[in-house]
Amino acid sequence: MKILVCISNVPDTTSKITFTADGTELNTAGIQYIINPYDEIALSKAVGLAEESQGTVTVINVGEANTEATIRKALAIGAAEAVRVNAAPRDGWFVANQIAAYAKDKGFDLILTGRESIDYNGVQVAAYVGELLGIPSVSTAKKIDIADGVATVEREIEGGKEVLSIPLPFIAGAAEGVAEPRIPNMRGIMGARTKPLDVIAPIEVPMLSKVLNYETPEPRGAVTWVNAEEVEKLVDLLHNKARVI
């Protein structure tokens, strides 16, 4: 089985997020970057499937040179090779076009992404890539099993779950439950240094959207404590002071 896993380079969730003075860009000073956690779940599933089928895993990242540490970690986890599209990831549409352009003639049996990236939470790339390649896509998969060229995919829906039968090839966005993230061992870390990492030029993609500015949320207001016996005071505060958010 030949598998492509799409990974993104995102700020660690413990990082303090600020923006430039004009509010048009993220302030990257002091931010630690990691593999998007959902992408790491997708990668772990792909490595497991490749081990079962004696297949191969390729990872692809749309990013500039500063993402290569993240890519090397993906190689340490178990991917055999990596590709970096040398461009800043402008938006989901731009990223999906780069992935589709690379994958269209490579004969991948399965393409996996995370369900979403934890920076923009767009849940867009898997569906875009599926449409661009003309293959089925599942945006949020909770379980993926493959046998005899057909995948059984489970996804959550309102009030229950949906089980799909999908012939290969297809693309899915992996969510919690698909696999347990793998921790790279020393052998994997050492081997990642010599695994191939190809850098390719991006294709031109029309700009369909643009971020005008970023704003941080308003700081939380002070908390007003009310004694349990002061019911009338609580009712008065709810009527006259509380704000609907």
C-alpha atoms as a PDB file:
ATOM      1  CA  MET A   1       0.000   0.000   0.000  1.00  0.00           C
ATOM      2  CA  LYS A   2       1.273   3.436  -0.967  1.00  0.00           C
ATOM      3  CA  ILE A   3       0.177   6.142   1.465  1.00  0.00           C
ATOM      4  CA  LEU A   4       0.570   9.929   1.465  1.00  0.00           C
ATOM      5  CA  VAL A   5       0.197  11.813   4.743  1.00  0.00           C
ATOM      6  CA  CYS A   6      -0.243  15.593   4.737  1.00  0.00           C
ATOM      7  CA  ILE A   7       1.312  17.305   7.757  1.00  0.00           C
ATOM      8  CA  SER A   8       1.240  20.901   8.898  1.00  0.00           C
ATOM      9  CA  ASN A   9       3.580  22.882  11.118  1.00  0.00           C
ATOM     10  CA  VAL A  10       1.581  24.550  13.901  1.00  0.00           C
ATOM     11  CA  PRO A  11       2.310  26.471  17.118  1.00  0.00           C
ATOM     12  CA  ASP A  12       2.451  24.370  20.262  1.00  0.00           C
ATOM     13  CA  THR A  13      -0.785  24.772  22.219  1.00  0.00           C
ATOM     14  CA  THR A  14       1.193  26.140  25.181  1.00  0.00           C
ATOM     15  CA  SER A  15       2.540  29.054  23.110  1.00  0.00           C
ATOM     16  CA  LYS A  16       1.313  32.563  23.847  1.00  0.00           C
ATOM     17  CA  ILE A  17      -0.161  33.911  20.614  1.00  0.00           C
ATOM     18  CA  THR A  18       0.331  37.560  19.676  1.00  0.00           C
ATOM     19  CA  PHE A  19       0.204  39.484  16.429  1.00  0.00           C
ATOM     20  CA  THR A  20       2.311  42.147  14.736  1.00  0.00           C
ATOM     21  CA  ALA A  21       1.616  45.797  15.566  1.00  0.00           C
ATOM     22  CA  ASP A  22      -0.606  46.250  12.502  1.00  0.00           C
ATOM     23  CA  GLY A  23      -2.514  43.031  13.235  1.00  0.00           C
ATOM     24  CA  THR A  24      -1.872  41.499   9.825  1.00  0.00           C
ATOM     25  CA  GLU A  25       0.468  38.623  10.768  1.00  0.00           C
ATOM     26  CA  LEU A  26       1.231  36.203  13.569  1.00  0.00           C
ATOM     27  CA  ASN A  27       4.170  37.215  15.723  1.00  0.00           C
ATOM     28  CA  THR A  28       6.380  34.117  15.499  1.00  0.00           C
ATOM     29  CA  ALA A  29       9.010  35.258  18.033  1.00  0.00           C
ATOM     30  CA  GLY A  30       9.408  32.684  20.770  1.00  0.00           C
ATOM     31  CA  ILE A  31       6.848  30.232  19.389  1.00  0.00           C
ATOM     32  CA  GLN A  32       7.650  26.513  19.451  1.00  0.00           C
ATOM     33  CA  TYR A  33       6.285  24.624  16.436  1.00  0.00           C
ATOM     34  CA  ILE A  34       5.093  21.014  16.352  1.00  0.00           C
ATOM     35  CA  ILE A  35       3.415  18.537  14.001  1.00  0.00           C
ATOM     36  CA  ASN A  36      -0.287  19.251  14.022  1.00  0.00           C
ATOM     37  CA  PRO A  37      -1.616  16.695  16.569  1.00  0.00           C
ATOM     38  CA  TYR A  38      -4.373  15.403  14.266  1.00  0.00           C
ATOM     39  CA  ASP A  39      -1.816  14.958  11.487  1.00  0.00           C
ATOM     40  CA  GLU A  40       0.304  12.966  13.921  1.00  0.00           C
ATOM     41  CA  ILE A  41      -2.670  10.629  14.470  1.00  0.00           C
ATOM     42  CA  ALA A  42      -3.014  10.262  10.687  1.00  0.00           C
ATOM     43  CA  LEU A  43       0.702   9.535  10.353  1.00  0.00           C
ATOM     44  CA  SER A  44       0.627   6.898  13.089  1.00  0.00           C
ATOM     45  CA  LYS A  45      -2.281   5.160  11.344  1.00  0.00           C
ATOM     46  CA  ALA A  46      -0.470   5.287   8.018  1.00  0.00           C
ATOM     47  CA  VAL A  47       2.692   3.767   9.487  1.00  0.00           C
ATOM     48  CA  GLY A  48       0.659   0.956  11.023  1.00  0.00           C
ATOM     49  CA  LEU A  49      -1.107   0.229   7.737  1.00  0.00           C
ATOM     50  CA  ALA A  50       2.202   0.260   5.876  1.00  0.00           C
ATOM     51  CA  GLU A  51       3.702  -2.203   8.342  1.00  0.00           C
ATOM     52  CA  GLU A  52       0.756  -4.554   7.865  1.00  0.00           C
ATOM     53  CA  SER A  53       0.845  -4.375   4.070  1.00  0.00           C
ATOM     54  CA  GLN A  54       4.603  -3.923   3.523  1.00  0.00           C
ATOM     55  CA  GLY A  55       3.764  -0.560   2.052  1.00  0.00           C
ATOM     56  CA  THR A  56       5.371   2.865   2.144  1.00  0.00           C
ATOM     57  CA  VAL A  57       4.490   6.204   3.712  1.00  0.00           C
ATOM     58  CA  THR A  58       5.364   9.569   2.205  1.00  0.00           C
ATOM     59  CA  VAL A  59       4.740  12.798   4.106  1.00  0.00           C
ATOM     60  CA  ILE A  60       4.117  16.113   2.403  1.00  0.00           C
ATOM     61  CA  ASN A  61       4.265  19.568   3.939  1.00  0.00           C
ATOM     62  CA  VAL A  62       3.557  22.947   2.390  1.00  0.00           C
ATOM     63  CA  GLY A  63       5.956  25.258   4.153  1.00  0.00           C
ATOM     64  CA  GLU A  64       9.227  27.106   4.097  1.00  0.00           C
ATOM     65  CA  ALA A  65      12.633  25.900   5.327  1.00  0.00           C
ATOM     66  CA  ASN A  66      11.737  26.435   9.005  1.00  0.00           C
ATOM     67  CA  THR A  67       9.331  23.463   8.860  1.00  0.00           C
ATOM     68  CA  GLU A  68      12.054  20.883   8.208  1.00  0.00           C
ATOM     69  CA  ALA A  69      12.503  19.974  11.891  1.00  0.00           C
ATOM     70  CA  THR A  70       8.828  19.035  11.977  1.00  0.00           C
ATOM     71  CA  ILE A  71       9.221  16.993   8.797  1.00  0.00           C
ATOM     72  CA  ARG A  72      12.227  15.143  10.228  1.00  0.00           C
ATOM     73  CA  LYS A  73      10.135  14.192  13.259  1.00  0.00           C
ATOM     74  CA  ALA A  74       7.545  12.697  10.893  1.00  0.00           C
ATOM     75  CA  LEU A  75      10.333  10.680   9.275  1.00  0.00           C
ATOM     76  CA  ALA A  76      11.471   9.547  12.717  1.00  0.00           C
ATOM     77  CA  ILE A  77       7.951   8.330  13.510  1.00  0.00           C
ATOM     78  CA  GLY A  78       8.099   6.020  10.505  1.00  0.00           C
ATOM     79  CA  ALA A  79       7.561   7.748   7.160  1.00  0.00           C
ATOM     80  CA  ALA A  80       9.966   6.532   4.469  1.00  0.00           C
ATOM     81  CA  GLU A  81      10.371   9.812   2.605  1.00  0.00           C
ATOM     82  CA  ALA A  82       9.190  13.404   2.671  1.00  0.00           C
ATOM     83  CA  VAL A  83       8.319  16.206   0.292  1.00  0.00           C
ATOM     84  CA  ARG A  84       8.261  19.898   1.137  1.00  0.00           C
ATOM     85  CA  VAL A  85       6.484  22.314  -1.164  1.00  0.00           C
ATOM     86  CA  ASN A  86       8.568  25.447  -0.764  1.00  0.00           C
ATOM     87  CA  ALA A  87       5.859  28.008  -0.025  1.00  0.00           C
ATOM     88  CA  ALA A  88       4.141  29.639   2.924  1.00  0.00           C
ATOM     89  CA  PRO A  89       0.754  27.920   3.478  1.00  0.00           C
ATOM     90  CA  ARG A  90      -1.476  30.815   2.501  1.00  0.00           C
ATOM     91  CA  ASP A  91      -4.814  29.101   3.174  1.00  0.00           C
ATOM     92  CA  GLY A  92      -6.497  25.687   2.893  1.00  0.00           C
ATOM     93  CA  TRP A  93      -7.295  26.101  -0.808  1.00  0.00           C
ATOM     94  CA  PHE A  94      -3.678  26.933  -1.625  1.00  0.00           C
ATOM     95  CA  VAL A  95      -2.364  23.988   0.434  1.00  0.00           C
ATOM     96  CA  ALA A  96      -4.833  21.528  -1.103  1.00  0.00           C
ATOM     97  CA  ASN A  97      -3.844  22.542  -4.622  1.00  0.00           C
ATOM     98  CA  GLN A  98      -0.162  21.937  -3.841  1.00  0.00           C
ATOM     99  CA  ILE A  99      -0.922  18.494  -2.405  1.00  0.00           C
ATOM    100  CA  ALA A 100      -3.172  17.519  -5.301  1.00  0.00           C
ATOM    101  CA  ALA A 101      -0.631  18.681  -7.885  1.00  0.00           C
ATOM    102  CA  TYR A 102       2.030  16.485  -6.301  1.00  0.00           C
ATOM    103  CA  ALA A 103      -0.209  13.443  -5.739  1.00  0.00           C
ATOM    104  CA  LYS A 104      -2.113  13.334  -9.029  1.00  0.00           C
ATOM    105  CA  ASP A 105       0.298  11.032 -10.893  1.00  0.00           C
ATOM    106  CA  LYS A 106       1.949   9.210  -7.973  1.00  0.00           C
ATOM    107  CA  GLY A 107      -0.564   6.367  -7.619  1.00  0.00           C
ATOM    108  CA  PHE A 108      -1.253   6.697  -3.895  1.00  0.00           C
ATOM    109  CA  ASP A 109      -3.762   4.185  -2.552  1.00  0.00           C
ATOM    110  CA  LEU A 110      -4.619   6.330   0.443  1.00  0.00           C
ATOM    111  CA  ILE A 111      -4.148   9.959   1.431  1.00  0.00           C
ATOM    112  CA  LEU A 112      -4.532  10.983   5.070  1.00  0.00           C
ATOM    113  CA  THR A 113      -4.670  14.364   6.752  1.00  0.00           C
ATOM    114  CA  GLY A 114      -5.643  15.377  10.250  1.00  0.00           C
ATOM    115  CA  ARG A 115      -9.275  16.315  10.707  1.00  0.00           C
ATOM    116  CA  GLU A 116      -8.151  19.950  11.062  1.00  0.00           C
ATOM    117  CA  SER A 117      -5.108  21.977  12.001  1.00  0.00           C
ATOM    118  CA  ILE A 118      -5.133  23.413  15.508  1.00  0.00           C
ATOM    119  CA  ASP A 119      -4.147  26.908  14.336  1.00  0.00           C
ATOM    120  CA  TYR A 120      -6.971  27.767  11.898  1.00  0.00           C
ATOM    121  CA  ASN A 121      -9.362  24.813  12.502  1.00  0.00           C
ATOM    122  CA  GLY A 122     -10.661  25.029   8.936  1.00  0.00           C
ATOM    123  CA  VAL A 123     -11.536  21.334   8.295  1.00  0.00           C
ATOM    124  CA  GLN A 124     -11.076  22.040   4.566  1.00  0.00           C
ATOM    125  CA  VAL A 125      -7.990  20.385   3.105  1.00  0.00           C
ATOM    126  CA  ALA A 126      -9.190  16.761   2.860  1.00  0.00           C
ATOM    127  CA  ALA A 127     -12.379  17.739   1.035  1.00  0.00           C
ATOM    128  CA  TYR A 128     -10.528  20.108  -1.308  1.00  0.00           C
ATOM    129  CA  VAL A 129      -7.924  17.479  -2.213  1.00  0.00           C
ATOM    130  CA  GLY A 130     -10.616  14.859  -2.826  1.00  0.00           C
ATOM    131  CA  GLU A 131     -12.439  17.193  -5.176  1.00  0.00           C
ATOM    132  CA  LEU A 132      -9.274  18.218  -7.020  1.00  0.00           C
ATOM    133  CA  LEU A 133      -8.204  14.576  -7.516  1.00  0.00           C
ATOM    134  CA  GLY A 134     -11.711  13.260  -8.180  1.00  0.00           C
ATOM    135  CA  ILE A 135     -11.583  10.708  -5.341  1.00  0.00           C
ATOM    136  CA  PRO A 136     -13.898  10.151  -2.342  1.00  0.00           C
ATOM    137  CA  SER A 137     -13.167  12.150   0.816  1.00  0.00           C
ATOM    138  CA  VAL A 138     -14.189  11.846   4.450  1.00  0.00           C
ATOM    139  CA  SER A 139     -13.515  14.961   6.491  1.00  0.00           C
ATOM    140  CA  THR A 140     -13.637  13.446   9.991  1.00  0.00           C
ATOM    141  CA  ALA A 141     -12.839   9.752  10.371  1.00  0.00           C
ATOM    142  CA  LYS A 142     -12.874   8.108  13.812  1.00  0.00           C
ATOM    143  CA  LYS A 143     -11.881   4.636  12.619  1.00  0.00           C
ATOM    144  CA  ILE A 144     -10.293   3.292   9.411  1.00  0.00           C
ATOM    145  CA  ASP A 145      -9.918  -0.382   8.511  1.00  0.00           C
ATOM    146  CA  ILE A 146      -8.744  -1.591   5.099  1.00  0.00           C
ATOM    147  CA  ALA A 147      -9.094  -5.055   3.558  1.00  0.00           C
ATOM    148  CA  ASP A 148      -9.028  -6.273  -0.054  1.00  0.00           C
ATOM    149  CA  GLY A 149      -8.832  -2.784  -1.517  1.00  0.00           C
ATOM    150  CA  VAL A 150     -11.877  -1.473   0.358  1.00  0.00           C
ATOM    151  CA  ALA A 151     -11.899   0.733   3.456  1.00  0.00           C
ATOM    152  CA  THR A 152     -14.457   0.682   6.226  1.00  0.00           C
ATOM    153  CA  VAL A 153     -14.561   4.170   7.718  1.00  0.00           C
ATOM    154  CA  GLU A 154     -16.476   5.203  10.807  1.00  0.00           C
ATOM    155  CA  ARG A 155     -17.378   8.807  11.465  1.00  0.00           C
ATOM    156  CA  GLU A 156     -19.464  10.552  14.081  1.00  0.00           C
ATOM    157  CA  ILE A 157     -22.728  12.205  13.112  1.00  0.00           C
ATOM    158  CA  GLU A 158     -25.342  13.951  15.214  1.00  0.00           C
ATOM    159  CA  GLY A 159     -26.986  11.370  17.427  1.00  0.00           C
ATOM    160  CA  GLY A 160     -24.812   8.418  16.425  1.00  0.00           C
ATOM    161  CA  LYS A 161     -22.196   7.188  13.992  1.00  0.00           C
ATOM    162  CA  GLU A 162     -22.007   6.512  10.271  1.00  0.00           C
ATOM    163  CA  VAL A 163     -20.100   3.571   8.768  1.00  0.00           C
ATOM    164  CA  LEU A 164     -18.941   3.929   5.177  1.00  0.00           C
ATOM    165  CA  SER A 165     -17.501   1.431   2.695  1.00  0.00           C
ATOM    166  CA  ILE A 166     -15.090   3.187   0.329  1.00  0.00           C
ATOM    167  CA  PRO A 167     -12.954   1.692  -2.452  1.00  0.00           C
ATOM    168  CA  LEU A 168      -9.344   2.808  -2.700  1.00  0.00           C
ATOM    169  CA  PRO A 169      -8.044   5.387  -3.437  1.00  0.00           C
ATOM    170  CA  PHE A 170      -9.646   7.963  -1.145  1.00  0.00           C
ATOM    171  CA  ILE A 171      -8.668  10.695   1.308  1.00  0.00           C
ATOM    172  CA  ALA A 172      -9.679  11.021   4.939  1.00  0.00           C
ATOM    173  CA  GLY A 173      -9.167  13.488   7.746  1.00  0.00           C
ATOM    174  CA  ALA A 174      -8.185  11.497  10.834  1.00  0.00           C
ATOM    175  CA  ALA A 175      -9.617  12.308  14.257  1.00  0.00           C
ATOM    176  CA  GLU A 176      -9.084  10.921  17.745  1.00  0.00           C
ATOM    177  CA  GLY A 177      -9.495   7.156  17.860  1.00  0.00           C
ATOM    178  CA  VAL A 178      -7.983   6.370  14.466  1.00  0.00           C
ATOM    179  CA  ALA A 179      -4.601   5.572  16.054  1.00  0.00           C
ATOM    180  CA  GLU A 180      -2.489   6.310  19.099  1.00  0.00           C
ATOM    181  CA  PRO A 181       0.292   8.809  18.297  1.00  0.00           C
ATOM    182  CA  ARG A 182       3.673   7.088  18.050  1.00  0.00           C
ATOM    183  CA  ILE A 183       6.711   8.359  19.917  1.00  0.00           C
ATOM    184  CA  PRO A 184       9.863   8.182  17.788  1.00  0.00           C
ATOM    185  CA  ASN A 185      12.581   5.991  19.257  1.00  0.00           C
ATOM    186  CA  MET A 186      16.324   6.628  19.030  1.00  0.00           C
ATOM    187  CA  ARG A 187      16.713   4.391  15.994  1.00  0.00           C
ATOM    188  CA  GLY A 188      13.963   6.308  14.206  1.00  0.00           C
ATOM    189  CA  ILE A 189      15.474   9.660  15.132  1.00  0.00           C
ATOM    190  CA  MET A 190      18.906   8.660  13.848  1.00  0.00           C
ATOM    191  CA  GLY A 191      17.476   7.126  10.673  1.00  0.00           C
ATOM    192  CA  ALA A 192      15.412  10.240   9.919  1.00  0.00           C
ATOM    193  CA  ARG A 193      18.600  12.195   9.260  1.00  0.00           C
ATOM    194  CA  THR A 194      19.356  10.215   6.119  1.00  0.00           C
ATOM    195  CA  LYS A 195      15.850   9.651   4.751  1.00  0.00           C
ATOM    196  CA  PRO A 196      15.095  11.574   1.537  1.00  0.00           C
ATOM    197  CA  LEU A 197      13.461  14.987   1.822  1.00  0.00           C
ATOM    198  CA  ASP A 198      12.695  16.517  -1.571  1.00  0.00           C
ATOM    199  CA  VAL A 199      11.961  20.226  -1.904  1.00  0.00           C
ATOM    200  CA  ILE A 200       9.731  21.159  -4.832  1.00  0.00           C
ATOM    201  CA  ALA A 201       8.463  24.460  -6.218  1.00  0.00           C
ATOM    202  CA  PRO A 202       4.816  25.411  -5.661  1.00  0.00           C
ATOM    203  CA  ILE A 203       2.280  25.725  -8.450  1.00  0.00           C
ATOM    204  CA  GLU A 204       0.441  28.972  -9.071  1.00  0.00           C
ATOM    205  CA  VAL A 205      -2.938  29.123  -7.339  1.00  0.00           C
ATOM    206  CA  PRO A 206      -5.383  32.040  -7.688  1.00  0.00           C
ATOM    207  CA  MET A 207      -5.889  33.904  -4.398  1.00  0.00           C
ATOM    208  CA  LEU A 208      -9.551  33.510  -3.466  1.00  0.00           C
ATOM    209  CA  SER A 209      -9.335  34.889   0.079  1.00  0.00           C
ATOM    210  CA  LYS A 210      -7.095  37.136   2.121  1.00  0.00           C
ATOM    211  CA  VAL A 211      -6.726  37.766   5.842  1.00  0.00           C
ATOM    212  CA  LEU A 212      -7.243  41.467   6.495  1.00  0.00           C
ATOM    213  CA  ASN A 213      -6.318  41.465  10.173  1.00  0.00           C
ATOM    214  CA  TYR A 214      -6.204  39.409  13.367  1.00  0.00           C
ATOM    215  CA  GLU A 215      -7.677  40.409  16.714  1.00  0.00           C
ATOM    216  CA  THR A 216      -7.219  38.887  20.144  1.00  0.00           C
ATOM    217  CA  PRO A 217     -10.325  38.162  22.238  1.00  0.00           C
ATOM    218  CA  GLU A 218     -11.376  40.700  24.819  1.00  0.00           C
ATOM    219  CA  PRO A 219      -9.898  39.963  28.248  1.00  0.00           C
ATOM    220  CA  ARG A 220     -12.198  38.192  30.655  1.00  0.00           C
ATOM    221  CA  GLY A 221     -14.104  40.452  33.008  1.00  0.00           C
ATOM    222  CA  ALA A 222     -14.026  40.254  36.761  1.00  0.00           C
ATOM    223  CA  VAL A 223     -16.122  37.601  38.492  1.00  0.00           C
ATOM    224  CA  THR A 224     -18.877  38.713  40.857  1.00  0.00           C
ATOM    225  CA  TRP A 225     -19.455  36.384  43.775  1.00  0.00           C
ATOM    226  CA  VAL A 226     -22.941  36.094  45.224  1.00  0.00           C
ATOM    227  CA  ASN A 227     -23.765  34.242  48.417  1.00  0.00           C
ATOM    228  CA  ALA A 228     -26.205  31.383  48.000  1.00  0.00           C
ATOM    229  CA  GLU A 229     -28.645  33.134  50.381  1.00  0.00           C
ATOM    230  CA  GLU A 230     -28.759  36.326  48.286  1.00  0.00           C
ATOM    231  CA  VAL A 231     -31.119  35.085  45.586  1.00  0.00           C
ATOM    232  CA  GLU A 232     -32.686  38.493  44.926  1.00  0.00           C
ATOM    233  CA  LYS A 233     -29.256  40.028  44.339  1.00  0.00           C
ATOM    234  CA  LEU A 234     -28.372  37.242  41.880  1.00  0.00           C
ATOM    235  CA  VAL A 235     -31.609  37.772  39.942  1.00  0.00           C
ATOM    236  CA  ASP A 236     -30.961  41.510  39.807  1.00  0.00           C
ATOM    237  CA  LEU A 237     -27.423  40.959  38.470  1.00  0.00           C
ATOM    238  CA  LEU A 238     -28.642  38.520  35.832  1.00  0.00           C
ATOM    239  CA  HIS A 239     -31.277  40.996  34.648  1.00  0.00           C
ATOM    240  CA  ASN A 240     -29.229  44.167  34.734  1.00  0.00           C
ATOM    241  CA  LYS A 241     -25.515  43.329  34.591  1.00  0.00           C
ATOM    242  CA  ALA A 242     -25.025  40.013  32.782  1.00  0.00           C
ATOM    243  CA  ARG A 243     -24.137  40.122  29.085  1.00  0.00           C
ATOM    244  CA  VAL A 244     -25.143  37.555  26.495  1.00  0.00           C
ATOM    245  CA  ILE A 245     -22.024  36.414  24.650  1.00  0.00           C
END
